[in-house]
Protein backbone atom coordinates (compact mmCIF):
# COMPACT_ATOMS: atom_id res chain seq x y z
CA UNK A 1 -8.91 12.21 -21.45
CA UNK A 2 -11.91 13.80 -19.91
CA UNK A 3 -14.05 11.72 -17.38
CA UNK A 4 -16.93 11.69 -19.87
CA UNK A 5 -14.73 10.34 -22.65
CA UNK A 6 -13.29 7.79 -20.40
CA UNK A 7 -16.83 6.47 -19.32
CA UNK A 8 -17.81 6.18 -22.83
CA UNK A 9 -14.87 4.05 -23.78
CA UNK A 10 -15.34 2.10 -20.86
CA UNK A 11 -18.88 1.24 -21.59
CA UNK A 12 -17.79 0.36 -25.15
CA UNK A 13 -15.46 -2.27 -23.29
CA UNK A 14 -12.20 -0.52 -24.35
CA UNK A 15 -9.49 -2.26 -22.37
CA UNK A 16 -7.06 0.66 -22.27
CA UNK A 17 -9.69 2.99 -21.12
CA UNK A 18 -10.67 0.38 -18.36
CA UNK A 19 -7.16 0.36 -17.24
CA UNK A 20 -6.94 3.97 -17.07
CA UNK A 21 -10.32 3.93 -15.16
CA UNK A 22 -8.87 1.44 -12.80
CA UNK A 23 -5.70 3.52 -12.23
CA UNK A 24 -7.58 6.83 -11.78
CA UNK A 25 -10.11 5.60 -9.07
CA UNK A 26 -8.16 2.80 -7.35
CA UNK A 27 -7.31 5.17 -4.47
CA UNK A 28 -10.85 6.37 -4.00
CA UNK A 29 -12.27 2.85 -3.91
CA UNK A 30 -9.60 1.70 -1.48
CA UNK A 31 -10.13 4.53 0.91
CA UNK A 32 -13.89 3.96 0.69
CA UNK A 33 -13.53 0.25 1.51
CA UNK A 34 -11.21 1.01 4.36
CA UNK A 35 -13.48 3.66 5.75
CA UNK A 36 -16.45 1.17 5.68
CA UNK A 37 -14.47 -1.59 7.41
CA UNK A 38 -13.18 0.77 9.98
CA UNK A 39 -16.83 1.70 10.77
CA UNK A 40 -17.66 -1.90 11.01
CA UNK A 41 -14.78 -2.48 13.44
CA UNK A 42 -13.09 -4.99 10.99
CA UNK A 43 -9.31 -5.13 10.54
CA UNK A 44 -8.03 -6.74 7.37
CA UNK A 45 -4.65 -7.16 6.01
CA UNK A 46 -3.68 -5.02 2.99
CA UNK A 47 -3.81 -7.94 0.73
CA UNK A 48 -7.46 -8.74 1.89
CA UNK A 49 -8.44 -5.14 1.31
CA UNK A 50 -6.74 -5.23 -2.14
CA UNK A 51 -8.66 -8.34 -3.01
CA UNK A 52 -11.97 -6.56 -2.19
CA UNK A 53 -10.98 -3.62 -4.19
CA UNK A 54 -10.23 -5.81 -7.18
CA UNK A 55 -13.27 -7.69 -6.77
CA UNK A 56 -15.12 -4.25 -6.95
CA UNK A 57 -13.64 -3.16 -10.21
CA UNK A 58 -14.26 -6.74 -11.65
CA UNK A 59 -17.90 -6.50 -10.83
CA UNK A 60 -18.32 -3.01 -12.24
CA UNK A 61 -16.57 -4.25 -15.52
CA UNK A 62 -18.31 -7.70 -15.75
CA UNK A 63 -21.83 -6.42 -15.10
CA UNK A 64 -21.33 -3.23 -17.05
CA UNK A 65 -22.22 -1.08 -14.01
CA UNK A 66 -20.70 2.04 -15.64
CA UNK A 67 -23.40 2.17 -18.25
CA UNK A 68 -25.81 3.35 -15.59
CA UNK A 69 -23.69 6.56 -14.70
CA UNK A 70 -25.52 9.19 -16.82
CA UNK A 71 -23.88 12.30 -15.09
CA UNK A 72 -20.12 12.26 -14.64
CA UNK A 73 -20.24 14.80 -11.88
CA UNK A 74 -21.86 11.95 -9.71
CA UNK A 75 -19.20 9.31 -10.67
CA UNK A 76 -17.11 9.81 -7.58
CA UNK A 77 -20.02 9.76 -5.21
CA UNK A 78 -21.42 6.65 -6.82
CA UNK A 79 -18.02 4.74 -6.57
CA UNK A 80 -17.93 5.57 -2.86
CA UNK A 81 -21.30 4.25 -2.31
CA UNK A 82 -20.82 1.07 -4.42
CA UNK A 83 -17.50 0.49 -2.65
CA UNK A 84 -18.88 0.94 0.78
CA UNK A 85 -21.82 -1.29 -0.01
CA UNK A 86 -19.66 -4.15 -1.47
CA UNK A 87 -17.39 -3.85 1.72
CA UNK A 88 -20.35 -4.10 3.88
CA UNK A 89 -21.72 -7.13 1.90
CA UNK A 90 -18.39 -8.74 1.89
CA UNK A 91 -18.10 -8.50 5.57
CA UNK A 92 -21.57 -9.85 6.32
CA UNK A 93 -20.98 -12.74 3.83
CA UNK A 94 -17.79 -13.79 5.24
CA UNK A 95 -18.72 -13.42 8.81
CA UNK A 96 -21.83 -15.63 8.31
CA UNK A 97 -20.04 -18.35 6.07
CA UNK A 98 -18.95 -21.45 7.98
CA UNK A 99 -15.30 -21.84 8.26
CA UNK A 100 -15.39 -25.25 6.58
CA UNK A 101 -16.81 -23.52 3.43
CA UNK A 102 -14.11 -20.95 3.38
CA UNK A 103 -11.34 -21.69 0.80
CA UNK A 104 -8.57 -19.28 -0.09
CA UNK A 105 -5.11 -19.80 -1.60
CA UNK A 106 -3.62 -19.43 1.80
CA UNK A 107 -5.88 -21.66 3.71
CA UNK A 108 -6.86 -24.71 1.65
CA UNK A 109 -6.55 -27.90 3.56
CA UNK A 110 -8.09 -31.49 3.54
CA UNK A 111 -10.13 -32.52 6.77
CA UNK A 112 -7.67 -35.41 7.12
CA UNK A 113 -4.55 -33.06 6.92
CA UNK A 114 -5.60 -29.49 8.22
CA UNK A 115 -1.87 -28.47 8.25
CA UNK A 116 -1.70 -28.68 4.48
CA UNK A 117 -2.08 -25.43 2.62
CA UNK A 118 -1.92 -24.42 -0.91
CA UNK A 119 1.29 -22.55 -0.01
CA UNK A 120 2.81 -25.69 1.37
CA UNK A 121 2.11 -27.43 -1.90
CA UNK A 122 3.98 -24.98 -4.13
CA UNK A 123 6.83 -26.93 -5.63
CA UNK A 124 10.23 -25.54 -4.29
CA UNK A 125 13.74 -26.77 -3.79
CA UNK A 126 12.93 -27.53 -0.20
CA UNK A 127 9.82 -29.57 -1.01
CA UNK A 128 9.40 -32.60 1.42
CA UNK A 129 9.00 -35.59 -0.87
CA UNK A 130 8.02 -37.63 2.09
CA UNK A 131 4.61 -35.72 2.42
CA UNK A 132 1.49 -37.80 2.61
CA UNK A 133 -0.44 -39.20 -0.44
CA UNK A 134 -3.06 -36.57 0.43
CA UNK A 135 -0.61 -33.78 0.04
CA UNK A 136 0.64 -35.03 -3.29
CA UNK A 137 -2.91 -35.27 -4.55
CA UNK A 138 -3.79 -31.86 -3.51
CA UNK A 139 -0.73 -30.44 -5.15
CA UNK A 140 -1.41 -32.23 -8.33
CA UNK A 141 -5.02 -31.07 -8.31
CA UNK A 142 -3.74 -27.38 -7.83
CA UNK A 143 -1.26 -27.95 -10.86
CA UNK A 144 -3.96 -29.36 -13.07
CA UNK A 145 -6.56 -26.56 -12.30
CA UNK A 146 -3.86 -23.71 -12.81
CA UNK A 147 -3.14 -25.53 -16.26
CA UNK A 148 -6.86 -25.00 -17.16
CA UNK A 149 -6.64 -21.21 -16.82
CA UNK A 150 -6.42 -18.74 -19.67
CA UNK A 151 -2.80 -18.44 -20.61
CA UNK A 152 -2.44 -14.82 -19.43
CA UNK A 153 -4.05 -15.72 -16.15
CA UNK A 154 -1.72 -18.68 -15.77
CA UNK A 155 1.43 -16.69 -16.26
CA UNK A 156 0.22 -13.81 -13.97
CA UNK A 157 -0.80 -16.24 -11.18
CA UNK A 158 2.48 -18.34 -11.44
CA UNK A 159 4.64 -15.27 -11.30
CA UNK A 160 2.73 -14.02 -8.41
CA UNK A 161 2.55 -17.34 -6.49
CA UNK A 162 5.51 -19.36 -7.50
CA UNK A 163 7.97 -16.42 -7.88
CA UNK A 164 6.53 -13.98 -5.30
CA UNK A 165 6.47 -11.14 -7.92
CA UNK A 166 4.49 -8.01 -7.22
CA UNK A 167 1.73 -6.75 -9.69
CA UNK A 168 3.98 -4.10 -10.78
CA UNK A 169 6.79 -6.63 -11.62
CA UNK A 170 4.46 -8.86 -13.38
CA UNK A 171 3.02 -5.88 -15.46
CA UNK A 172 6.63 -5.16 -16.59
CA UNK A 173 7.36 -8.64 -17.37
CA UNK A 174 4.13 -9.14 -19.38
CA UNK A 175 4.12 -5.60 -20.86
CA UNK A 176 0.56 -5.04 -19.58
CA UNK A 177 -0.79 -2.30 -17.34
CA UNK A 178 -0.83 -2.98 -13.61
CA UNK A 179 -4.73 -2.80 -13.66
CA UNK A 180 -4.99 -5.67 -16.21
CA UNK A 181 -2.48 -7.77 -14.16
CA UNK A 182 -4.62 -7.15 -11.05
CA UNK A 183 -7.78 -8.27 -12.91
CA UNK A 184 -6.03 -11.44 -14.38
CA UNK A 185 -4.80 -12.42 -10.95
CA UNK A 186 -8.24 -11.70 -9.28
CA UNK A 187 -10.08 -13.80 -11.88
CA UNK A 188 -7.68 -16.64 -11.79
CA UNK A 189 -7.90 -16.87 -7.83
CA UNK A 190 -11.79 -16.92 -8.10
CA UNK A 191 -11.60 -19.76 -10.74
CA UNK A 192 -9.26 -21.69 -8.63
CA UNK A 193 -11.44 -21.19 -5.45
CA UNK A 194 -14.46 -22.40 -7.45
CA UNK A 195 -12.70 -25.43 -8.97
CA UNK A 196 -11.09 -26.55 -5.81
CA UNK A 197 -14.39 -26.33 -3.87
CA UNK A 198 -15.79 -28.58 -6.41
CA UNK A 199 -12.93 -31.01 -6.65
CA UNK A 200 -12.40 -31.19 -2.81
CA UNK A 201 -16.06 -31.39 -2.06
CA UNK A 202 -15.91 -28.45 0.30
């Protein structure tokens, strides 16, 4: 499939074409984000960089940004610029945001129990039933909010968080392209962050 054909199908919201687009340009976007963060003197984990990259693809898809690319020869340059600008804005937004307003799946805690994170609330065979009431409440809130997600988002997120499966593993289990799995997980995490901020009053 030529780049022009690929873009036309993406603009028409063809999911298979979008997965191919994400696969084809994932490396370029990742490299662009890494380059910009390096220039800013920022060191992030691979997971954090991947989250930024997935968010870029999500924004391009949801806001139909590809419809504005008229000349396919400029696509790579356009992607580099978009990626670097997004990385820069991400850095500025997150460095100016107060720590108390920051909520991620790895850092969620209540003000009364700052040691409690979402990770510690994931059910397991070693779960301590003697945890505080606040811990139980937070765990129940998490389970409730996950249950409200779209079925595919639920499954992808549970396999990723509960079972520690990689996106590649999940793609094989769900028989979906890796790009689709990445998008499902990113959307699920974003939805959870928004819901938990509301529920916890952060």
